[in-house]
Amino acid sequence: MVLPDNKNKTVEDILWLKNGQRAELIDGNMYYISPPSIRQQEIIAWLAEKISNYIKENKKLCKIFKSPFPVYISNDKKNYVEPGLSIICNEGIVQDGKCSGAPDWITEVVSLHDRWTVYYLKLVKYCQSGVREYWIADLAERAVVVYNFEQMNYKRYTFNDKIKSGILEGLEIDFSPISF
């Protein structure tokens, strides 16, 4: 949901929000962030564990960060997001507990309240900012949409499928165990 009088906001406006209130900035427009549901948190934790285990086992030079993790997606004061998962293989963009620039791979777990933001606003912003891969796990549809921005294509999968990462070669995530 867009906040009233939301034009020309900056990261400083995020810092002035009341305790417990969270928002994101996309091109200077501020959007509320709903607290994640238990199901969203479970899927993010499950995915984080799968990806983290793969990174450790294969000695990849990437790190994984779960929300709330501040990402200054365009490395400016007009764009600030808190993706569900951020996988970053360029450690140089992570400093002082935040990411200044585009993570290599972002995963969001969409809810009924943030569909428009996740499927449209963030999709465009992530593509423009240099994110290489974007996964949207959709609980209502029991599907995952994978956007590979390097190849400029996308594919829709169900929770019954195994999905290969385009960023971490050899990583395949089997979504069929998801029953929550």
Protein backbone atom coordinates (compact mmCIF):
# COMPACT_ATOMS: atom_id res chain seq x y z
CA MET A 1 0.00 0.00 0.00
CA VAL A 2 1.30 3.45 -0.91
CA LEU A 3 1.58 5.90 1.95
CA PRO A 4 -0.26 9.24 1.61
CA ASP A 5 1.89 12.12 0.34
CA ASN A 6 4.49 9.61 -0.72
CA LYS A 7 6.30 11.48 -3.48
CA ASN A 8 9.97 12.37 -3.25
CA LYS A 9 10.62 10.35 -0.10
CA THR A 10 14.12 9.26 0.87
CA VAL A 11 15.69 6.71 3.18
CA GLU A 12 15.61 9.33 5.94
CA ASP A 13 11.79 9.16 5.84
CA ILE A 14 12.00 5.39 6.48
CA LEU A 15 14.13 6.07 9.56
CA TRP A 16 11.41 8.36 10.96
CA LEU A 17 8.66 5.73 10.85
CA LYS A 18 7.10 4.77 14.18
CA ASN A 19 8.38 1.68 16.00
CA GLY A 20 7.11 -1.46 14.34
CA GLN A 21 6.18 0.31 11.12
CA ARG A 22 8.14 -0.80 8.06
CA ALA A 23 8.19 0.48 4.51
CA GLU A 24 10.14 0.27 1.31
CA LEU A 25 11.06 2.95 -1.21
CA ILE A 26 10.83 2.50 -4.94
CA ASP A 27 11.81 5.53 -7.00
CA GLY A 28 11.03 7.84 -4.08
CA ASN A 29 7.56 6.35 -3.43
CA MET A 30 7.05 4.78 -0.02
CA TYR A 31 5.12 1.50 0.42
CA TYR A 32 4.12 -0.16 3.68
CA ILE A 33 5.46 -3.63 4.34
CA SER A 34 3.05 -6.03 6.00
CA PRO A 35 4.50 -8.30 8.66
CA PRO A 36 5.28 -11.67 7.08
CA SER A 37 2.88 -14.49 7.85
CA ILE A 38 4.09 -17.63 9.57
CA ARG A 39 3.89 -19.49 6.24
CA GLN A 40 6.01 -16.83 4.53
CA GLN A 41 8.57 -17.04 7.33
CA GLU A 42 8.64 -20.84 7.13
CA ILE A 43 9.29 -20.82 3.39
CA ILE A 44 11.98 -18.14 3.66
CA ALA A 45 13.71 -20.09 6.47
CA TRP A 46 13.42 -23.36 4.49
CA LEU A 47 14.86 -21.78 1.32
CA ALA A 48 17.59 -19.99 3.28
CA GLU A 49 18.67 -23.31 4.79
CA LYS A 50 18.72 -25.08 1.40
CA ILE A 51 20.73 -22.30 -0.26
CA SER A 52 23.05 -21.82 2.72
CA ASN A 53 23.84 -25.56 2.86
CA TYR A 54 24.64 -25.55 -0.85
CA ILE A 55 26.91 -22.50 -0.49
CA LYS A 56 28.82 -24.15 2.39
CA GLU A 57 29.08 -27.60 0.79
CA ASN A 58 30.30 -26.17 -2.52
CA LYS A 59 32.51 -23.47 -1.02
CA LYS A 60 30.80 -20.73 -2.98
CA LEU A 61 31.81 -17.15 -2.25
CA CYS A 62 28.25 -15.97 -1.75
CA LYS A 63 26.34 -14.95 1.35
CA ILE A 64 22.65 -15.17 2.09
CA PHE A 65 20.70 -12.56 4.03
CA LYS A 66 17.11 -12.82 5.30
CA SER A 67 14.69 -9.94 5.80
CA PRO A 68 14.85 -7.54 7.45
CA PHE A 69 18.10 -6.75 5.64
CA PRO A 70 18.41 -3.26 4.15
CA VAL A 71 19.13 -3.21 0.43
CA TYR A 72 19.78 0.15 -1.20
CA ILE A 73 18.96 -1.43 -4.54
CA SER A 74 20.09 1.42 -6.80
CA ASN A 75 22.74 2.60 -4.33
CA ASP A 76 20.85 5.86 -3.82
CA LYS A 77 18.50 7.41 -1.24
CA LYS A 78 15.33 6.90 -3.31
CA ASN A 79 15.32 3.09 -3.46
CA TYR A 80 15.31 0.90 -0.36
CA VAL A 81 13.90 -2.64 -0.15
CA GLU A 82 13.91 -5.55 2.29
CA PRO A 83 13.68 -8.70 0.14
CA GLY A 84 12.76 -12.01 1.74
CA LEU A 85 16.16 -13.41 0.72
CA SER A 86 19.17 -11.67 -0.79
CA ILE A 87 21.99 -13.80 -2.16
CA ILE A 88 25.11 -11.70 -2.70
CA CYS A 89 28.25 -13.01 -4.38
CA ASN A 90 30.05 -9.64 -4.47
CA GLU A 91 31.00 -9.00 -0.84
CA GLY A 92 32.11 -5.47 -1.74
CA ILE A 93 28.51 -4.23 -1.80
CA VAL A 94 27.83 -5.35 1.79
CA GLN A 95 29.10 -2.88 4.36
CA ASP A 96 27.91 -1.64 7.74
CA GLY A 97 25.06 -4.18 7.88
CA LYS A 98 23.46 -3.17 4.58
CA CYS A 99 23.73 -3.81 0.85
CA SER A 100 24.55 -0.88 -1.41
CA GLY A 101 23.67 -2.11 -4.88
CA ALA A 102 21.94 -5.08 -6.47
CA PRO A 103 22.14 -8.56 -4.92
CA ASP A 104 22.80 -11.33 -7.44
CA TRP A 105 19.63 -13.23 -6.57
CA ILE A 106 16.51 -12.07 -4.73
CA THR A 107 13.64 -14.26 -3.56
CA GLU A 108 10.32 -12.89 -2.33
CA VAL A 109 7.42 -14.85 -0.86
CA VAL A 110 4.34 -12.98 -2.01
CA SER A 111 1.24 -12.47 0.12
CA LEU A 112 -2.23 -11.31 -0.85
CA HIS A 113 -1.35 -7.83 0.42
CA ASP A 114 1.79 -7.23 -1.62
CA ARG A 115 1.15 -8.93 -4.95
CA TRP A 116 1.21 -5.73 -7.01
CA THR A 117 4.42 -4.50 -5.40
CA VAL A 118 6.23 -7.86 -5.76
CA TYR A 119 5.00 -8.80 -9.25
CA TYR A 120 5.25 -5.37 -10.87
CA LEU A 121 7.13 -2.63 -9.02
CA LYS A 122 9.91 -4.79 -7.62
CA LEU A 123 10.17 -6.87 -10.79
CA VAL A 124 10.93 -3.77 -12.86
CA LYS A 125 13.21 -2.21 -10.24
CA TYR A 126 15.21 -5.41 -9.74
CA CYS A 127 15.66 -5.85 -13.50
CA GLN A 128 16.76 -2.22 -13.95
CA SER A 129 19.13 -2.34 -10.96
CA GLY A 130 21.21 -5.32 -12.04
CA VAL A 131 19.72 -8.20 -10.04
CA ARG A 132 20.61 -11.29 -12.05
CA GLU A 133 17.83 -13.62 -10.86
CA TYR A 134 14.49 -13.05 -9.10
CA TRP A 135 12.28 -15.78 -7.65
CA ILE A 136 8.70 -15.14 -6.52
CA ALA A 137 7.22 -17.90 -4.38
CA ASP A 138 3.46 -17.52 -4.49
CA LEU A 139 1.65 -19.30 -1.65
CA ALA A 140 -1.84 -18.77 -3.04
CA GLU A 141 -0.88 -20.24 -6.42
CA ARG A 142 1.55 -22.83 -4.97
CA ALA A 143 3.94 -21.69 -7.68
CA VAL A 144 7.36 -20.13 -8.14
CA VAL A 145 8.09 -17.71 -10.96
CA VAL A 146 11.78 -17.48 -11.84
CA TYR A 147 13.06 -14.44 -13.75
CA ASN A 148 16.54 -14.73 -15.25
CA PHE A 149 17.38 -11.13 -16.13
CA GLU A 150 20.72 -12.03 -17.75
CA GLN A 151 18.93 -14.17 -20.35
CA MET A 152 15.80 -11.99 -20.28
CA ASN A 153 13.41 -14.88 -19.74
CA TYR A 154 11.15 -16.33 -17.08
CA LYS A 155 9.50 -19.61 -16.24
CA ARG A 156 6.65 -20.59 -13.92
CA TYR A 157 6.99 -23.70 -11.77
CA THR A 158 4.67 -25.40 -9.29
CA PHE A 159 5.53 -26.49 -5.76
CA ASN A 160 5.78 -30.02 -7.25
CA ASP A 161 8.81 -29.06 -9.34
CA LYS A 162 12.56 -29.00 -8.89
CA ILE A 163 14.00 -25.61 -9.77
CA LYS A 164 17.58 -24.97 -10.85
CA SER A 165 19.34 -21.80 -9.84
CA GLY A 166 20.88 -19.77 -12.63
CA ILE A 167 23.25 -18.06 -10.17
CA LEU A 168 24.55 -21.03 -8.18
CA GLU A 169 25.40 -23.65 -10.78
CA GLY A 170 24.39 -27.12 -9.65
CA LEU A 171 21.85 -25.95 -7.06
CA GLU A 172 18.44 -27.50 -7.56
CA ILE A 173 15.64 -26.93 -5.06
CA ASP A 174 12.86 -29.49 -4.80
CA PHE A 175 9.74 -27.66 -3.67
CA SER A 176 7.60 -30.82 -3.35
CA PRO A 177 8.27 -31.21 0.43
CA ILE A 178 6.48 -27.91 1.07
CA SER A 179 3.22 -28.87 2.74
CA PHE A 180 2.63 -25.86 4.96
